[in-house]
Amino acid sequence: MTTPASESRPSGPVSTGPVEPTFPSARSAPSVEATAQTVDSTDSAAEGAMNFPLPPLGLGNPLVIIIALSVVAGGASAWTGHVFFAVWFFVGGLLAVANAKLVILKVGSATADENPRKAPVAVNAMVRLGLITVVALVVAYFFRPDGLGVMFGLAVGQVVLVLHSVIPVLKGLRKQS
């Protein structure tokens, strides 16, 4: 004798495999001033899902760090006789911060739509990065050897921005475990 399908199911939530982590949506994200906060567990689709801390979106601290690194680069470049290297280093750092700000604005406007699409964000990224690359290459070529500071400033600026985003998230994940 067989039982109906509804009687053979166990009561309560059934796990069909590993629980997928949930990421905060742009609509539930706090304001730009918010720092590494965790998303409320009511936002998760499944009980016991991992909550990832939100990265800081403010760019004040990275800008201060880039200014400080530019001053250090200024001292080192003055010692070697290439003072304008530090100026171009600072310009490269500013380009990196400007790129990060434009990313935040574009992703925020794209996710605010009812049906967000990837294509406009991808096109915007290609154009933005293409322009920044052209500006950096033109400066590096026409103001060589000091103009190479723009490339170094871009590279160091990106490292500062990545660390600014990753370190608070890692600290938040460490507190959860």
Protein backbone atom coordinates (compact mmCIF):
# COMPACT_ATOMS: atom_id res chain seq x y z
CA MET A 1 0.00 0.00 0.00
CA THR A 2 1.42 3.40 -0.97
CA THR A 3 0.95 6.65 0.86
CA PRO A 4 0.13 9.92 -0.89
CA ALA A 5 3.09 12.14 -1.76
CA SER A 6 2.04 14.82 0.72
CA GLU A 7 2.22 12.40 3.66
CA SER A 8 5.66 11.06 2.76
CA ARG A 9 7.34 14.49 2.89
CA PRO A 10 9.10 15.42 6.11
CA SER A 11 7.81 18.50 7.90
CA GLY A 12 9.97 21.62 8.15
CA PRO A 13 12.66 22.96 5.83
CA VAL A 14 14.42 20.39 3.70
CA SER A 15 18.01 20.90 2.64
CA THR A 16 18.68 19.89 -0.94
CA GLY A 17 22.39 20.62 -0.80
CA PRO A 18 24.84 23.22 0.41
CA VAL A 19 23.37 26.55 1.47
CA GLU A 20 24.21 29.30 -0.98
CA PRO A 21 25.52 32.57 0.53
CA THR A 22 23.28 35.58 0.14
CA PHE A 23 24.60 38.92 -0.97
CA PRO A 24 22.98 42.23 -0.09
CA SER A 25 21.04 43.81 -2.90
CA ALA A 26 21.52 47.42 -3.86
CA ARG A 27 18.03 48.24 -2.60
CA SER A 28 18.80 46.96 0.90
CA ALA A 29 22.28 48.49 1.08
CA PRO A 30 22.78 51.25 3.65
CA SER A 31 23.87 54.76 2.78
CA VAL A 32 27.32 55.54 1.43
CA GLU A 33 28.50 56.58 4.89
CA ALA A 34 27.83 53.09 6.26
CA THR A 35 30.84 50.94 6.86
CA ALA A 36 31.34 47.22 7.32
CA GLN A 37 27.89 46.28 8.58
CA THR A 38 26.25 42.95 8.13
CA VAL A 39 22.98 42.41 6.36
CA ASP A 40 20.04 41.48 8.58
CA SER A 41 19.27 37.77 8.60
CA THR A 42 15.70 38.52 7.53
CA ASP A 43 17.07 39.37 4.08
CA SER A 44 18.36 35.85 3.55
CA ALA A 45 16.33 33.35 1.61
CA ALA A 46 17.28 30.38 3.75
CA GLU A 47 17.84 30.02 7.46
CA GLY A 48 21.49 29.65 8.31
CA ALA A 49 22.70 31.41 5.16
CA MET A 50 25.99 33.26 5.43
CA ASN A 51 25.81 37.04 5.74
CA PHE A 52 28.64 39.00 4.17
CA PRO A 53 29.60 42.38 5.65
CA LEU A 54 29.19 45.32 3.31
CA PRO A 55 32.41 47.01 2.14
CA PRO A 56 32.87 50.69 2.95
CA LEU A 57 31.84 52.93 0.07
CA GLY A 58 33.37 56.18 1.27
CA LEU A 59 36.52 57.32 -0.48
CA GLY A 60 37.85 59.74 2.15
CA ASN A 61 40.34 57.36 3.76
CA PRO A 62 41.83 56.12 0.46
CA LEU A 63 42.24 59.72 -0.67
CA VAL A 64 44.12 60.61 2.52
CA ILE A 65 46.34 57.53 2.10
CA ILE A 66 47.07 58.45 -1.54
CA ILE A 67 47.98 62.00 -0.51
CA ALA A 68 50.32 60.63 2.17
CA LEU A 69 51.92 58.21 -0.31
CA SER A 70 52.32 61.08 -2.79
CA VAL A 71 54.16 63.09 -0.15
CA VAL A 72 56.46 60.10 0.48
CA ALA A 73 56.93 59.73 -3.29
CA GLY A 74 57.69 63.46 -3.41
CA GLY A 75 60.46 63.07 -0.88
CA ALA A 76 61.94 60.08 -2.69
CA SER A 77 61.64 61.69 -6.10
CA ALA A 78 63.17 64.96 -4.88
CA TRP A 79 66.10 62.98 -3.53
CA THR A 80 66.61 61.43 -7.00
CA GLY A 81 66.07 64.74 -8.82
CA HIS A 82 62.68 63.96 -10.40
CA VAL A 83 60.28 66.15 -8.41
CA PHE A 84 57.47 66.01 -10.96
CA PHE A 85 57.29 62.23 -10.58
CA ALA A 86 55.39 62.81 -7.32
CA VAL A 87 52.98 65.23 -9.01
CA TRP A 88 52.16 62.67 -11.68
CA PHE A 89 51.99 59.96 -9.01
CA PHE A 90 49.32 62.02 -7.26
CA VAL A 91 47.44 62.51 -10.55
CA GLY A 92 47.46 58.73 -11.07
CA GLY A 93 46.10 58.21 -7.56
CA LEU A 94 43.36 60.76 -8.23
CA LEU A 95 42.46 58.92 -11.43
CA ALA A 96 42.11 55.69 -9.44
CA VAL A 97 39.84 57.38 -6.87
CA ALA A 98 37.80 59.03 -9.62
CA ASN A 99 37.38 55.65 -11.29
CA ALA A 100 36.14 54.13 -8.01
CA LYS A 101 33.65 56.98 -7.51
CA LEU A 102 32.33 56.58 -11.05
CA VAL A 103 31.94 52.82 -10.49
CA ILE A 104 29.91 53.44 -7.32
CA LEU A 105 27.68 55.94 -9.11
CA LYS A 106 27.11 53.77 -12.19
CA VAL A 107 26.37 50.59 -10.24
CA GLY A 108 24.04 52.51 -7.94
CA SER A 109 22.09 53.94 -10.86
CA ALA A 110 22.02 50.62 -12.72
CA THR A 111 20.72 48.66 -9.73
CA ALA A 112 18.09 51.30 -8.97
CA ASP A 113 16.23 50.29 -12.14
CA GLU A 114 13.37 47.83 -11.89
CA ASN A 115 15.12 45.46 -14.32
CA PRO A 116 18.88 46.07 -14.01
CA ARG A 117 20.97 45.08 -17.01
CA LYS A 118 24.66 44.30 -17.25
CA ALA A 119 25.28 45.75 -20.71
CA PRO A 120 25.21 49.47 -19.79
CA VAL A 121 27.52 48.85 -16.84
CA ALA A 122 29.94 46.89 -19.04
CA VAL A 123 29.96 49.56 -21.76
CA ASN A 124 30.47 52.26 -19.14
CA ALA A 125 33.38 50.30 -17.64
CA MET A 126 35.06 49.85 -21.02
CA VAL A 127 34.73 53.54 -21.91
CA ARG A 128 35.82 54.73 -18.46
CA LEU A 129 38.85 52.43 -18.27
CA GLY A 130 39.76 53.20 -21.88
CA LEU A 131 39.79 56.95 -21.19
CA ILE A 132 41.81 56.56 -18.01
CA THR A 133 44.32 54.36 -19.83
CA VAL A 134 44.67 56.83 -22.72
CA VAL A 135 45.18 59.74 -20.32
CA ALA A 136 47.81 57.78 -18.35
CA LEU A 137 49.65 56.66 -21.50
CA VAL A 138 49.66 60.16 -23.00
CA VAL A 139 51.04 61.64 -19.78
CA ALA A 140 53.61 58.86 -19.45
CA TYR A 141 54.77 59.35 -23.06
CA PHE A 142 54.88 63.16 -23.28
CA PHE A 143 56.27 63.81 -19.81
CA ARG A 144 58.77 60.96 -19.60
CA PRO A 145 60.55 59.94 -17.44
CA ASP A 146 58.59 61.70 -14.67
CA GLY A 147 55.26 61.01 -16.38
CA LEU A 148 55.57 57.34 -15.49
CA GLY A 149 54.48 58.44 -12.04
CA VAL A 150 50.91 58.38 -13.36
CA MET A 151 51.18 54.64 -13.98
CA PHE A 152 52.64 54.03 -10.53
CA GLY A 153 49.98 56.26 -8.96
CA LEU A 154 47.22 54.32 -10.74
CA ALA A 155 48.66 51.01 -9.59
CA VAL A 156 49.19 52.07 -5.97
CA GLY A 157 45.79 53.79 -5.92
CA GLN A 158 44.07 50.58 -7.02
CA VAL A 159 45.91 48.60 -4.33
CA VAL A 160 44.84 51.14 -1.69
CA LEU A 161 41.22 51.00 -2.87
CA VAL A 162 41.13 47.19 -2.92
CA LEU A 163 42.62 46.96 0.57
CA HIS A 164 40.18 49.63 1.78
CA SER A 165 37.31 47.42 0.63
CA VAL A 166 38.67 43.98 1.53
CA ILE A 167 40.09 44.48 5.02
CA PRO A 168 36.79 45.51 6.72
CA VAL A 169 34.96 42.66 5.00
CA LEU A 170 37.55 40.13 6.17
CA LYS A 171 37.36 41.51 9.70
CA GLY A 172 33.57 41.17 9.64
CA LEU A 173 33.78 37.60 8.39
CA ARG A 174 36.32 36.76 11.09
CA LYS A 175 33.93 38.07 13.77
CA GLN A 176 31.15 35.84 12.40
CA SER A 177 33.20 32.67 12.56
